[in-house]
Protein backbone atom coordinates (compact mmCIF):
# COMPACT_ATOMS: atom_id res chain seq x y z
CA MET A 1 -18.50 -2.63 17.89
CA SER A 2 -14.83 -2.65 16.98
CA ALA A 3 -13.53 -5.31 14.60
CA ARG A 4 -10.73 -7.74 15.43
CA PRO A 5 -7.67 -7.44 13.17
CA SER A 6 -8.62 -10.64 11.30
CA GLN A 7 -12.14 -9.22 10.82
CA THR A 8 -10.61 -5.98 9.53
CA ILE A 9 -8.74 -7.99 6.91
CA ALA A 10 -11.94 -9.73 5.80
CA LEU A 11 -13.95 -6.48 5.83
CA CYS A 12 -11.37 -4.69 3.70
CA LEU A 13 -10.97 -7.60 1.28
CA HIS A 14 -14.74 -7.79 0.77
CA LEU A 15 -14.88 -4.06 0.18
CA ALA A 16 -11.87 -4.20 -2.18
CA ARG A 17 -13.64 -6.86 -4.20
CA ALA A 18 -16.80 -4.73 -4.33
CA CYS A 19 -14.79 -1.66 -5.40
CA GLU A 20 -13.13 -3.69 -8.13
CA ALA A 21 -16.50 -4.90 -9.41
CA ARG A 22 -17.73 -1.29 -9.45
CA ARG A 23 -14.59 -0.14 -11.28
CA GLN A 24 -13.35 2.06 -8.43
CA PRO A 25 -9.60 1.35 -8.50
CA GLY A 26 -8.60 4.09 -6.06
CA ASP A 27 -11.01 2.86 -3.39
CA ARG A 28 -10.01 -0.75 -4.10
CA ASP A 29 -6.36 0.15 -3.49
CA LYS A 30 -7.23 1.87 -0.21
CA MET A 31 -9.03 -1.24 1.02
CA LEU A 32 -6.14 -3.45 -0.08
CA VAL A 33 -3.66 -1.22 1.77
CA LEU A 34 -5.73 -1.48 4.95
CA ALA A 35 -6.07 -5.25 4.54
CA GLY A 36 -2.37 -5.69 3.73
CA ALA A 37 -1.26 -3.60 6.71
CA ALA A 38 -3.55 -5.52 9.07
CA ALA A 39 -2.33 -8.83 7.64
CA ALA A 40 1.31 -7.80 8.07
CA ALA A 41 0.61 -6.73 11.66
CA LEU A 42 -0.77 -10.23 12.34
CA GLY A 43 2.22 -11.89 10.66
CA LEU A 44 0.16 -13.01 7.64
CA HIS A 45 2.85 -11.86 5.24
CA THR A 46 1.60 -14.03 2.38
CA VAL A 47 -1.80 -12.31 2.54
CA ALA A 48 -0.11 -8.90 2.82
CA GLY A 49 2.12 -9.79 -0.15
CA ARG A 50 -0.89 -10.75 -2.26
CA CYS A 51 -2.57 -7.43 -1.40
CA ARG A 52 0.62 -5.60 -2.44
CA ARG A 53 0.84 -7.50 -5.74
CA LYS A 54 -2.83 -6.79 -6.53
CA ILE A 55 -2.31 -3.07 -5.93
CA LEU A 56 0.83 -2.93 -8.07
CA ALA A 57 -0.71 -4.99 -10.89
CA GLN A 58 -3.21 -2.18 -11.51
CA ASN A 59 -1.24 0.77 -10.12
CA PRO A 60 2.54 0.27 -10.53
CA GLY A 61 3.28 3.77 -9.22
CA HIS A 62 1.52 3.22 -5.88
CA LEU A 63 3.41 4.17 -2.72
CA ILE A 64 3.55 0.52 -1.60
CA GLY A 65 5.71 -0.16 -4.68
CA HIS A 66 8.58 1.76 -3.06
CA HIS A 67 8.87 -1.06 -0.52
CA GLU A 68 9.45 -4.79 -0.74
CA SER A 69 6.66 -5.54 1.74
CA PHE A 70 4.08 -4.01 4.03
CA ALA A 71 6.39 -4.76 6.94
CA GLN A 72 9.15 -2.68 5.35
CA ALA A 73 6.69 0.06 4.38
CA ALA A 74 5.54 0.39 8.00
CA ALA A 75 8.99 1.80 8.87
CA ASP A 76 8.66 4.59 6.27
CA ASP A 77 7.26 7.88 7.62
CA GLU A 78 5.42 8.72 4.40
CA PHE A 79 3.71 5.33 4.24
CA ALA A 80 2.92 5.40 7.96
CA HIS A 81 1.27 8.81 7.50
CA TYR A 82 -0.75 7.51 4.52
CA LEU A 83 -1.85 4.45 6.48
CA LYS A 84 -2.87 6.60 9.46
CA GLN A 85 -4.99 8.77 7.12
CA LEU A 86 -6.72 5.67 5.75
CA GLU A 87 -7.34 4.29 9.26
CA ARG A 88 -8.92 7.61 10.29
CA ALA A 89 -11.04 7.76 7.12
CA PHE A 90 -12.14 4.12 7.46
CA PRO A 91 -12.48 3.14 11.14
CA PRO A 92 -13.76 -0.42 11.79
CA GLU A 93 -17.31 0.82 12.43
CA LYS A 94 -17.42 2.54 9.03
CA LEU A 95 -16.02 -0.56 7.32
CA GLU A 96 -18.72 -2.68 8.99
CA HIS A 97 -21.41 -0.22 7.89
CA MET A 98 -20.08 -0.22 4.32
CA LEU A 99 -20.10 -4.02 4.23
CA ALA A 100 -23.62 -4.15 5.70
CA SER A 101 -24.79 -1.92 2.85
CA LEU A 102 -23.62 -4.67 0.47
CA GLU A 103 -25.86 -7.14 2.35
CA ILE A 104 -23.04 -9.60 2.96
CA ASP A 105 -23.38 -11.78 6.06
CA MET A 106 -19.70 -12.13 6.89
CA ALA A 107 -20.27 -14.44 9.89
CA SER A 108 -22.09 -17.13 7.93
CA GLU A 109 -19.74 -16.76 4.99
CA ARG A 110 -16.68 -17.08 7.27
CA ALA A 111 -18.11 -20.26 8.83
CA THR A 112 -17.62 -22.11 5.52
CA TYR A 113 -13.81 -21.82 5.81
CA ALA A 114 -11.46 -23.71 8.11
CA SER A 115 -9.45 -20.63 9.14
CA ASP A 116 -9.20 -16.87 8.81
CA TYR A 117 -6.19 -17.48 6.57
CA GLU A 118 -8.18 -19.66 4.17
CA TYR A 119 -11.01 -17.10 4.22
CA ALA A 120 -8.61 -14.27 3.37
CA ALA A 121 -7.12 -16.34 0.54
CA ALA A 122 -10.60 -16.95 -0.90
CA LEU A 123 -11.44 -13.25 -0.70
CA LEU A 124 -8.23 -12.55 -2.62
CA GLY A 125 -9.36 -14.99 -5.30
CA THR A 126 -6.70 -17.59 -4.55
CA THR A 127 -5.89 -20.57 -2.34
CA ILE A 128 -3.57 -21.07 0.61
CA ASP A 129 -1.30 -23.19 -1.58
CA GLU A 130 -1.10 -20.45 -4.21
CA LEU A 131 -0.31 -17.83 -1.55
CA GLU A 132 2.48 -20.01 -0.17
CA ARG A 133 3.87 -20.73 -3.64
CA ALA A 134 3.84 -17.03 -4.56
CA SER A 135 5.62 -16.09 -1.33
CA ARG A 136 8.41 -18.58 -2.08
CA GLU A 137 8.85 -17.16 -5.60
CA VAL A 138 9.39 -13.60 -4.39
CA PRO A 139 13.14 -13.00 -3.95
CA LYS A 140 14.06 -12.00 -0.42
CA PRO A 141 16.20 -8.87 -0.12
CA LYS A 142 19.69 -9.46 1.20
CA GLY A 143 20.95 -7.42 4.13
CA GLU A 144 19.28 -4.23 5.24
CA PRO A 145 16.67 -2.92 2.82
CA LEU A 146 17.54 0.32 1.14
CA PRO A 147 15.33 3.25 2.04
CA ALA A 148 12.85 4.30 -0.59
CA ARG A 149 14.26 7.09 -2.70
CA ARG A 150 12.08 9.73 -4.19
CA ILE A 151 13.18 12.66 -6.26
CA ARG A 152 12.24 15.94 -4.66
CA TRP A 153 11.58 17.92 -7.83
CA TRP A 154 11.20 21.24 -6.07
CA LEU A 155 14.74 20.83 -4.71
CA VAL A 156 16.08 19.97 -8.16
CA VAL A 157 14.43 23.10 -9.61
CA VAL A 158 15.75 25.37 -6.84
CA LEU A 159 19.29 24.01 -7.10
CA SER A 160 19.19 24.30 -10.90
CA ALA A 161 18.07 27.93 -10.61
CA VAL A 162 20.87 28.71 -8.14
CA LEU A 163 23.44 27.05 -10.39
CA LEU A 164 22.14 28.96 -13.41
CA ALA A 165 22.31 32.24 -11.45
CA MET A 166 25.91 31.47 -10.44
CA VAL A 167 26.90 30.75 -14.05
CA ILE A 168 25.24 33.96 -15.28
CA ALA A 169 26.95 35.97 -12.52
CA GLY A 170 30.30 34.38 -13.40
CA VAL A 171 29.92 35.16 -17.09
CA TRP A 172 28.79 38.71 -16.28
CA LEU A 173 31.82 39.26 -13.99
CA LEU A 174 34.13 37.85 -16.64
CA LEU A 175 32.70 40.16 -19.32
CA GLU A 176 32.76 43.11 -16.90
CA SER A 177 36.45 42.56 -16.12
CA ARG A 178 37.38 42.59 -19.82
CA LEU A 179 35.83 46.01 -20.38
């Protein structure tokens, strides 16, 4: 059985909470990325934003930190590749199996909330009002977002080596011409 996108959000948020309780921050972040991406795809940007903030609170160097939102990250090739890897590693059936192993009856738990949005907020340890307030406090970028910039260290090293070789060759030619 394949999960609906709103179920995927709930599955991943449950699993993220379980990973956090078990002190597995890497796995928690993976579940939050999957939940945040699914939330952004459904237009639940406040839920996606909360997932992003939770990731960055514990892991400020995470890839999602290079982007203002999951929606912006989706346009980045590196993030899209990372997300695709996570989706392959954790298909809906595997997520459902993992949740079943925790003995959580998601259907009966979900029934206690008025909406999927309220349920997601509860799984994130917050309320709808708090999600809305937090989304208003985040400054919106003006104009087109700048692409994420990463330093390609291998390129810096290669260019530095070439420059050093050119300087050495120049000094050698200069000394050679004086002899």
